Amino acid sequence: MKILHVSQNYFPSVGGPQYTMKHVSEKLVSYYGDAVDVCTTDSFYGPETKLYKRIDPPVEKVGQVNVNRLPFIRWHYPFLEVGNKVFAKITGKALPYFILKRRWGLDSPAINKMMASSNVDVIMATTIIYNFADYPMWRFKTKDPKPFVLYGAIHLHKPLPFNSPLIARAKACDCYIANTEFERQELIKYGVEGNKVVTIGTGIHPEDFKADEQSVLNFKKQHQIAQDEIVIGFIGRLVKGKGVAILIDAFRKLHASNKRVKLLLAGGTTDYVPAIKQVIETEKLPIILIENFGDEQKGVLYNVLDVFVLASQSESFGVVFLEAWACKKPVIGTRMGAIESLLSEGKDSLLFEAGDVDDLVLQLTHLINNREKRESFGENGYKKVMDNFTWPVIVARYRKAYELGIENFKTLAGDRTIKV
């Protein structure tokens, strides 16, 4: 199969879609011998941000995948932002969507041109918020329109208008890949055809998270973690949006009544890290902060934990849950849409109400005081990963989704021919 993957960013850029696209692209080549090309921007950062860092070379082979890094239009960002503020001040409304999409949706004629001219069997793109997701709406104006599969990664914890452009994109694609059953069912409620929405999620290599006992003991010794202490923590982007602030608030309350707990926070440096450091310095809380660690350290970090917490209030999936389960760790997540769909409360996890610090403290206390439950949750989570979220399982499902998209497109193209 010849495949074109379209993404706003690609390795070495980091993030959920980048992670999934890299693994799926490379494994379609290695598992099935498919020919995969990637079409992406030439920036390390997301096209909606003001930050820009060019990635070179513009064309290269990464893991037997041909990666094309294309330019996008950025010069107009300041003008659109100022214009939106002025328009809002005068009218009380934002600029029309067809204008704002040129600021927030990735304005790249080069990407559109590659999509229009690629000689492939199917195009798959992620995520739904970017303009390339409009491809089905203009593909029949090209000489050789292609089947289009959309990995939306859409956050549906808050309702969207039924006429939202995002919903229109989900309806227009030939197959929609949902991260969770929650996402699938919500899209069906919005009118997306159920027979073209498949639930897949993302995957991991469980063996990547193994760590020898001595390395874990060495880490605990280095950071003065006693054997009878409980370590709770989060591993991921150290930003407020991932619930780090809520977790710190909960730990502050927890530690006030239990001095045998410590908090581990590990991830890449962000503009929120100085605030974390200030809490550590001024309040003298036993928070272990690890910045910019290598992938080879992940196994040790997860295995040091007794309880993993993702307190984010907006997720389309949460691959970090899989990583924690791969190390047989119990997890706590927010009681909301996608997370509630992925986690099995009372079996491999506990849930707390979004933003409710006291509820998070309560759920943490349940697990801290019950070693047997921690162990059973970890074992059940590990089994869930092995059954559903290893890369061979995930990539096979992706390929079936592409085949479904191709079949749906053939039906659509045939209908258009008949109507003509």
Protein backbone atom coordinates (compact mmCIF):
# COMPACT_ATOMS: atom_id res chain seq x y z
CA MET A 1 0.00 0.00 0.00
CA LYS A 2 1.22 3.52 -0.80
CA ILE A 3 0.37 5.92 2.01
CA LEU A 4 0.73 9.66 2.62
CA HIS A 5 0.65 10.78 6.23
CA VAL A 6 -0.03 14.48 6.85
CA SER A 7 0.72 16.04 10.23
CA GLN A 8 1.29 19.50 11.64
CA ASN A 9 4.67 18.39 13.03
CA TYR A 10 6.82 15.27 12.93
CA PHE A 11 9.85 13.84 14.71
CA PRO A 12 12.01 15.28 16.24
CA SER A 13 9.09 17.50 17.22
CA VAL A 14 7.36 16.08 20.30
CA GLY A 15 3.72 15.62 21.22
CA GLY A 16 0.95 13.04 21.09
CA PRO A 17 0.17 13.19 17.34
CA GLN A 18 3.89 13.29 16.48
CA TYR A 19 4.51 10.23 18.64
CA THR A 20 1.69 8.24 17.05
CA MET A 21 2.47 9.29 13.49
CA LYS A 22 6.14 8.34 13.76
CA HIS A 23 5.42 4.89 15.18
CA VAL A 24 2.56 4.11 12.81
CA SER A 25 4.54 5.34 9.79
CA GLU A 26 7.66 3.33 10.58
CA LYS A 27 5.79 0.20 11.59
CA LEU A 28 3.62 0.14 8.46
CA VAL A 29 6.92 -0.07 6.58
CA SER A 30 8.54 -2.67 8.84
CA TYR A 31 5.47 -4.84 9.49
CA TYR A 32 3.77 -4.72 6.08
CA GLY A 33 6.33 -3.39 3.60
CA ASP A 34 4.14 -0.37 2.81
CA ALA A 35 5.59 2.73 1.16
CA VAL A 36 4.99 5.67 3.52
CA ASP A 37 5.62 9.35 2.86
CA VAL A 38 5.10 12.03 5.50
CA CYS A 39 4.05 15.57 4.67
CA THR A 40 4.57 18.02 7.53
CA THR A 41 5.75 21.52 8.42
CA ASP A 42 9.40 22.50 8.65
CA SER A 43 9.09 23.67 12.28
CA PHE A 44 9.85 22.00 15.58
CA TYR A 45 6.92 23.87 17.13
CA GLY A 46 3.22 23.75 16.34
CA PRO A 47 2.15 26.10 13.54
CA GLU A 48 -0.33 27.89 15.81
CA THR A 49 2.39 29.08 18.20
CA LYS A 50 4.56 32.16 17.82
CA LEU A 51 7.66 30.02 18.29
CA TYR A 52 9.45 28.77 15.19
CA LYS A 53 12.51 26.56 14.94
CA ARG A 54 13.36 25.20 11.51
CA ILE A 55 14.05 21.48 11.13
CA ASP A 56 16.49 20.50 8.37
CA PRO A 57 16.88 18.92 5.91
CA PRO A 58 13.60 19.61 4.08
CA VAL A 59 13.55 16.05 2.70
CA GLU A 60 15.02 13.06 4.51
CA LYS A 61 14.44 9.39 5.25
CA VAL A 62 13.65 8.62 8.90
CA GLY A 63 13.19 4.96 9.78
CA GLN A 64 12.58 4.05 6.10
CA VAL A 65 9.89 6.76 5.92
CA ASN A 66 10.25 9.63 3.45
CA VAL A 67 9.70 12.86 5.40
CA ASN A 68 8.89 16.08 3.56
CA ARG A 69 9.12 19.22 5.70
CA LEU A 70 7.28 22.03 3.95
CA PRO A 71 7.00 25.77 4.64
CA PHE A 72 3.87 27.47 5.91
CA ILE A 73 2.75 31.10 6.01
CA ARG A 74 3.53 32.92 9.27
CA TRP A 75 4.11 36.58 8.43
CA HIS A 76 0.42 37.42 8.79
CA TYR A 77 0.08 36.16 12.39
CA PRO A 78 0.53 39.59 14.11
CA PHE A 79 -1.90 41.29 11.71
CA LEU A 80 -4.62 38.68 12.26
CA GLU A 81 -4.17 38.78 16.03
CA VAL A 82 -4.43 42.59 16.15
CA GLY A 83 -7.30 42.55 13.69
CA ASN A 84 -9.18 40.02 15.81
CA LYS A 85 -8.78 42.16 18.93
CA VAL A 86 -9.98 45.31 17.15
CA PHE A 87 -12.92 43.48 15.55
CA ALA A 88 -13.92 41.99 18.91
CA LYS A 89 -13.74 45.39 20.58
CA ILE A 90 -16.00 46.93 17.93
CA THR A 91 -18.49 44.08 17.41
CA GLY A 92 -18.11 41.91 20.51
CA LYS A 93 -17.40 38.94 18.22
CA ALA A 94 -14.33 37.20 16.86
CA LEU A 95 -13.35 37.48 13.22
CA PRO A 96 -15.14 35.02 10.91
CA TYR A 97 -13.80 31.49 10.91
CA PHE A 98 -12.65 31.60 7.29
CA ILE A 99 -10.22 34.36 8.33
CA LEU A 100 -9.12 32.95 11.70
CA LYS A 101 -8.39 29.54 10.18
CA ARG A 102 -5.50 31.19 8.36
CA ARG A 103 -3.99 32.01 11.76
CA TRP A 104 -4.78 28.94 13.85
CA GLY A 105 -5.37 26.22 11.28
CA LEU A 106 -2.01 26.00 9.45
CA ASP A 107 -1.87 27.98 6.21
CA SER A 108 0.37 25.95 3.91
CA PRO A 109 -0.18 25.95 0.12
CA ALA A 110 2.82 23.60 -0.13
CA ILE A 111 1.12 20.92 1.97
CA ASN A 112 -2.11 21.26 -0.04
CA LYS A 113 -0.13 20.92 -3.27
CA MET A 114 1.55 17.71 -2.10
CA MET A 115 -1.79 16.25 -1.02
CA ALA A 116 -3.30 17.14 -4.42
CA SER A 117 -0.46 15.62 -6.45
CA SER A 118 0.60 12.54 -4.46
CA ASN A 119 0.36 9.18 -6.21
CA VAL A 120 -0.81 7.13 -3.21
CA ASP A 121 -3.58 4.72 -2.31
CA VAL A 122 -4.73 6.65 0.74
CA ILE A 123 -4.03 9.84 2.69
CA MET A 124 -4.24 9.89 6.49
CA ALA A 125 -3.98 13.16 8.41
CA THR A 126 -3.90 14.34 12.01
CA THR A 127 -5.21 16.39 13.74
CA ILE A 128 -8.70 17.67 12.95
CA ILE A 129 -8.02 21.28 13.96
CA TYR A 130 -5.70 21.93 10.99
CA ASN A 131 -6.71 23.10 7.52
CA PHE A 132 -5.41 20.01 5.73
CA ALA A 133 -8.40 18.19 7.25
CA ASP A 134 -10.49 20.08 4.63
CA TYR A 135 -9.01 17.90 1.87
CA PRO A 136 -12.26 15.94 1.20
CA MET A 137 -14.04 19.24 0.53
CA TRP A 138 -11.81 20.14 -2.41
CA ARG A 139 -10.23 16.87 -3.58
CA PHE A 140 -12.70 16.31 -6.44
CA LYS A 141 -11.42 19.52 -8.01
CA THR A 142 -8.07 17.76 -8.50
CA LYS A 143 -7.18 15.35 -11.30
CA ASP A 144 -6.78 12.34 -9.02
CA PRO A 145 -8.69 12.59 -5.70
CA LYS A 146 -7.68 10.13 -3.00
CA PRO A 147 -9.34 8.34 -0.08
CA PHE A 148 -8.92 10.35 3.10
CA VAL A 149 -8.68 8.98 6.65
CA LEU A 150 -8.69 11.42 9.56
CA TYR A 151 -7.12 10.71 12.95
CA GLY A 152 -8.98 13.51 14.67
CA ALA A 153 -7.69 13.47 18.27
CA ILE A 154 -10.57 15.82 18.98
CA HIS A 155 -11.34 16.94 22.55
CA LEU A 156 -15.07 16.53 23.10
CA HIS A 157 -15.34 17.02 26.86
CA LYS A 158 -17.04 20.33 26.07
CA PRO A 159 -19.93 20.49 23.57
CA LEU A 160 -19.36 21.85 20.07
CA PRO A 161 -21.96 23.57 17.87
CA PHE A 162 -23.51 21.10 15.44
CA ASN A 163 -22.32 23.36 12.60
CA SER A 164 -18.74 23.40 13.89
CA PRO A 165 -16.10 23.15 11.12
CA LEU A 166 -14.53 20.29 13.11
CA ILE A 167 -17.72 18.26 12.89
CA ALA A 168 -17.96 19.05 9.17
CA ARG A 169 -14.45 17.65 8.70
CA ALA A 170 -15.31 14.47 10.62
CA LYS A 171 -18.39 13.99 8.42
CA ALA A 172 -16.46 14.58 5.19
CA CYS A 173 -13.63 12.07 5.66
CA ASP A 174 -13.90 8.47 4.41
CA CYS A 175 -12.89 6.97 7.74
CA TYR A 176 -12.45 8.64 11.12
CA ILE A 177 -10.04 7.17 13.67
CA ALA A 178 -11.16 7.88 17.24
CA ASN A 179 -8.90 7.53 20.25
CA THR A 180 -11.62 6.23 22.56
CA GLU A 181 -15.14 4.83 22.38
CA PHE A 182 -16.30 8.05 24.06
CA GLU A 183 -15.00 10.07 21.11
CA ARG A 184 -16.66 7.68 18.66
CA GLN A 185 -20.06 7.82 20.35
CA GLU A 186 -19.96 11.61 20.67
CA LEU A 187 -19.22 12.02 16.97
CA ILE A 188 -22.11 9.73 16.09
CA LYS A 189 -24.37 11.98 18.18
CA TYR A 190 -23.19 14.90 16.02
CA GLY A 191 -24.28 13.07 12.90
CA VAL A 192 -21.06 11.39 11.77
CA GLU A 193 -21.84 8.01 10.16
CA GLY A 194 -21.13 5.29 12.71
CA ASN A 195 -19.94 2.78 10.11
CA LYS A 196 -16.96 4.95 9.22
CA VAL A 197 -15.79 5.77 12.76
CA VAL A 198 -13.35 3.25 14.26
CA THR A 199 -11.85 3.31 17.75
CA ILE A 200 -8.12 2.60 17.91
CA GLY A 201 -6.10 4.80 20.26
CA THR A 202 -2.32 4.64 20.28
CA GLY A 203 0.32 2.13 21.30
CA ILE A 204 3.54 1.50 23.16
CA HIS A 205 6.36 -1.03 23.37
CA PRO A 206 5.88 -2.37 26.94
CA GLU A 207 9.46 -3.63 26.96
CA ASP A 208 10.70 -0.03 26.61
CA PHE A 209 9.57 0.64 30.18
CA LYS A 210 11.36 -2.18 31.94
CA ALA A 211 13.96 -1.20 34.52
CA ASP A 212 16.28 -3.36 36.59
CA GLU A 213 15.77 -3.32 40.33
CA GLN A 214 19.21 -1.89 41.04
CA SER A 215 18.63 1.18 38.86
CA VAL A 216 15.39 1.88 40.71
CA LEU A 217 17.13 1.47 44.07
CA ASN A 218 19.94 3.78 42.95
CA PHE A 219 17.42 6.46 41.94
CA LYS A 220 15.69 6.19 45.32
CA LYS A 221 18.99 6.44 47.13
CA GLN A 222 20.07 9.45 45.07
CA HIS A 223 16.83 11.29 45.85
CA GLN A 224 16.56 10.11 49.45
CA ILE A 225 13.41 8.05 49.02
CA ALA A 226 13.07 5.58 51.87
CA GLN A 227 11.78 2.08 51.18
CA ASP A 228 8.64 2.66 53.26
CA GLU A 229 7.77 5.94 51.53
CA ILE A 230 5.07 6.23 48.87
CA VAL A 231 5.93 8.08 45.68
CA ILE A 232 3.12 9.60 43.64
CA GLY A 233 3.86 11.42 40.45
CA PHE A 234 3.36 12.57 36.91
CA ILE A 235 5.61 12.05 33.88
CA GLY A 236 4.88 14.21 30.86
CA ARG A 237 4.76 17.85 29.79
CA LEU A 238 5.17 19.98 32.91
CA VAL A 239 2.42 22.47 32.17
CA LYS A 240 -0.72 23.59 33.98
CA GLY A 241 -2.87 22.11 31.22
CA LYS A 242 -1.67 18.63 32.14
CA GLY A 243 -2.93 19.10 35.69
CA VAL A 244 0.46 19.65 37.31
CA ALA A 245 -0.82 22.58 39.41
CA ILE A 246 -3.79 20.56 40.68
CA LEU A 247 -1.51 17.65 41.54
CA ILE A 248 0.82 19.95 43.50
CA ASP A 249 -2.16 21.38 45.40
CA ALA A 250 -3.34 17.87 46.24
CA PHE A 251 0.13 16.81 47.32
CA ARG A 252 0.40 19.86 49.57
CA LYS A 253 -2.74 18.76 51.44
CA LEU A 254 -1.72 15.12 51.45
CA HIS A 255 1.72 15.81 52.84
CA ALA A 256 0.29 17.93 55.66
CA SER A 257 -1.20 14.76 57.16
CA ASN A 258 1.21 12.13 55.84
CA LYS A 259 4.95 12.80 55.86
CA ARG A 260 5.73 9.44 54.23
CA VAL A 261 4.74 10.57 50.75
CA LYS A 262 6.81 12.24 48.06
CA LEU A 263 5.94 13.73 44.69
CA LEU A 264 7.89 13.06 41.49
CA LEU A 265 7.41 15.39 38.52
CA ALA A 266 9.37 14.60 35.37
CA GLY A 267 9.26 16.11 31.89
CA GLY A 268 10.69 18.62 29.48
CA THR A 269 11.37 22.16 30.62
CA THR A 270 8.48 24.57 30.06
CA ASP A 271 7.61 28.11 31.11
CA TYR A 272 5.72 26.61 34.08
CA VAL A 273 8.81 24.91 35.57
CA PRO A 274 10.01 28.07 37.40
CA ALA A 275 6.70 28.10 39.31
CA ILE A 276 7.28 24.48 40.35
CA LYS A 277 10.79 25.33 41.51
CA GLN A 278 9.47 28.25 43.54
CA VAL A 279 7.04 25.94 45.36
CA ILE A 280 9.89 23.55 46.14
CA GLU A 281 12.18 26.32 47.40
CA THR A 282 9.66 28.35 49.41
CA GLU A 283 7.49 25.57 50.87
CA LYS A 284 10.22 22.94 51.27
CA LEU A 285 7.87 20.25 50.01
CA PRO A 286 9.50 16.90 49.12
CA ILE A 287 8.98 17.28 45.38
CA ILE A 288 11.50 15.62 43.09
CA LEU A 289 11.75 17.53 39.81
CA ILE A 290 13.44 15.84 36.85
CA GLU A 291 13.84 17.95 33.71
CA ASN A 292 14.66 16.91 30.15
CA PHE A 293 15.34 13.24 30.78
CA GLY A 294 16.14 10.78 28.00
CA ASP A 295 13.73 8.07 26.88
CA GLU A 296 16.04 5.46 28.39
CA GLN A 297 15.24 6.90 31.84
CA LYS A 298 11.47 6.53 31.51
CA GLY A 299 11.42 2.97 32.77
CA VAL A 300 13.25 3.90 35.97
CA LEU A 301 11.01 6.92 36.59
CA TYR A 302 7.78 4.96 36.20
CA ASN A 303 9.06 2.07 38.30
CA VAL A 304 9.97 4.44 41.13
CA LEU A 305 6.32 5.49 41.36
CA ASP A 306 3.71 3.81 43.53
CA VAL A 307 0.82 5.78 42.00
CA PHE A 308 0.68 7.65 38.68
CA VAL A 309 -1.60 10.69 38.34
CA LEU A 310 -2.74 12.58 35.24
CA ALA A 311 -4.94 15.41 36.53
CA SER A 312 -5.47 17.01 33.10
CA GLN A 313 -8.89 18.46 32.35
CA SER A 314 -8.56 18.05 28.58
CA GLU A 315 -7.33 14.87 26.90
CA SER A 316 -8.24 12.95 23.77
CA PHE A 317 -6.45 9.82 25.04
CA GLY A 318 -3.53 9.79 27.51
CA VAL A 319 -0.64 7.57 26.37
CA VAL A 320 1.03 8.14 29.76
CA PHE A 321 -1.59 5.84 31.31
CA LEU A 322 -0.36 3.06 29.04
CA GLU A 323 3.24 3.75 30.03
CA ALA A 324 2.38 3.56 33.73
CA TRP A 325 0.39 0.36 33.23
CA ALA A 326 3.32 -1.15 31.32
CA CYS A 327 5.19 -0.84 34.62
CA LYS A 328 2.22 -2.35 36.49
CA LYS A 329 1.42 0.90 38.27
CA PRO A 330 -2.07 2.01 39.37
CA VAL A 331 -3.27 5.25 37.85
CA ILE A 332 -5.62 8.10 38.74
CA GLY A 333 -7.29 10.23 36.09
CA THR A 334 -9.95 12.89 35.72
CA ARG A 335 -13.58 11.82 35.52
CA MET A 336 -14.22 13.12 32.02
CA GLY A 337 -14.97 11.87 28.51
CA ALA A 338 -11.95 10.26 26.91
CA ILE A 339 -10.12 9.43 30.14
CA GLU A 340 -13.21 7.87 31.70
CA SER A 341 -13.59 5.81 28.54
CA LEU A 342 -10.00 4.52 28.61
CA LEU A 343 -9.75 3.81 32.35
CA SER A 344 -11.77 1.08 34.07
CA GLU A 345 -12.56 2.64 37.44
CA GLY A 346 -12.14 0.24 40.35
CA LYS A 347 -10.26 -2.27 38.20
CA ASP A 348 -7.10 -0.58 36.92
CA SER A 349 -7.62 2.98 38.15
CA LEU A 350 -9.48 5.53 40.21
CA LEU A 351 -11.13 8.71 38.93
CA PHE A 352 -11.67 12.12 40.53
CA GLU A 353 -13.87 15.07 39.62
CA ALA A 354 -12.13 17.56 37.34
CA GLY A 355 -10.47 20.37 39.28
CA ASP A 356 -11.55 18.99 42.67
CA VAL A 357 -8.38 18.93 44.76
CA ASP A 358 -10.07 17.36 47.79
CA ASP A 359 -11.45 14.52 45.66
CA LEU A 360 -7.98 13.89 44.23
CA VAL A 361 -6.58 13.77 47.77
CA LEU A 362 -9.28 11.26 48.71
CA GLN A 363 -8.49 8.95 45.76
CA LEU A 364 -4.76 9.18 46.44
CA THR A 365 -5.37 8.28 50.07
CA HIS A 366 -7.35 5.19 49.02
CA LEU A 367 -4.40 3.87 47.04
CA ILE A 368 -1.69 4.98 49.45
CA ASN A 369 -3.37 3.01 52.24
CA ASN A 370 -4.07 -0.11 50.19
CA ARG A 371 -1.05 -1.90 48.76
CA GLU A 372 -3.13 -4.85 47.57
CA LYS A 373 -5.33 -2.55 45.50
CA ARG A 374 -2.29 -0.80 44.04
CA GLU A 375 -0.89 -4.14 42.92
CA SER A 376 -4.15 -5.47 41.46
CA PHE A 377 -4.79 -2.21 39.59
CA GLY A 378 -1.28 -2.36 38.15
CA GLU A 379 -1.67 -5.98 37.04
CA ASN A 380 -5.03 -5.29 35.40
CA GLY A 381 -3.67 -2.23 33.63
CA TYR A 382 -0.73 -4.25 32.34
CA LYS A 383 -3.09 -6.87 30.91
CA LYS A 384 -5.15 -4.13 29.22
CA VAL A 385 -2.02 -2.80 27.51
CA MET A 386 -0.86 -6.23 26.36
CA ASP A 387 -4.29 -7.09 24.95
CA ASN A 388 -5.12 -3.79 23.29
CA PHE A 389 -2.30 -1.27 23.03
CA THR A 390 0.91 -2.88 21.80
CA TRP A 391 2.12 -1.56 18.45
CA PRO A 392 1.42 -4.75 16.44
CA VAL A 393 -2.23 -4.54 17.55
CA ILE A 394 -2.54 -0.80 16.93
CA VAL A 395 -0.85 -0.75 13.52
CA ALA A 396 -3.00 -3.66 12.30
CA ARG A 397 -6.08 -1.63 13.26
CA TYR A 398 -4.74 1.45 11.49
CA ARG A 399 -4.22 -0.53 8.31
CA LYS A 400 -7.77 -1.89 8.47
CA ALA A 401 -9.01 1.68 8.93
CA TYR A 402 -7.16 2.68 5.74
CA GLU A 403 -8.77 -0.22 3.89
CA LEU A 404 -12.19 0.88 5.19
CA GLY A 405 -11.49 4.43 4.04
CA ILE A 406 -10.51 3.20 0.58
CA GLU A 407 -13.73 1.15 0.27
CA ASN A 408 -15.89 4.04 1.46
CA PHE A 409 -14.18 6.35 -1.02
CA LYS A 410 -14.83 3.95 -3.89
CA THR A 411 -18.52 3.99 -3.00
CA LEU A 412 -18.53 7.78 -2.78
CA ALA A 413 -16.65 8.22 -6.05
CA GLY A 414 -19.02 5.76 -7.75
CA ASP A 415 -22.05 7.67 -6.49
CA ARG A 416 -20.61 10.93 -7.81
CA THR A 417 -20.06 9.34 -11.23
CA ILE A 418 -23.63 8.07 -11.35
CA LYS A 419 -25.01 11.48 -10.36
CA VAL A 420 -22.95 13.17 -13.07
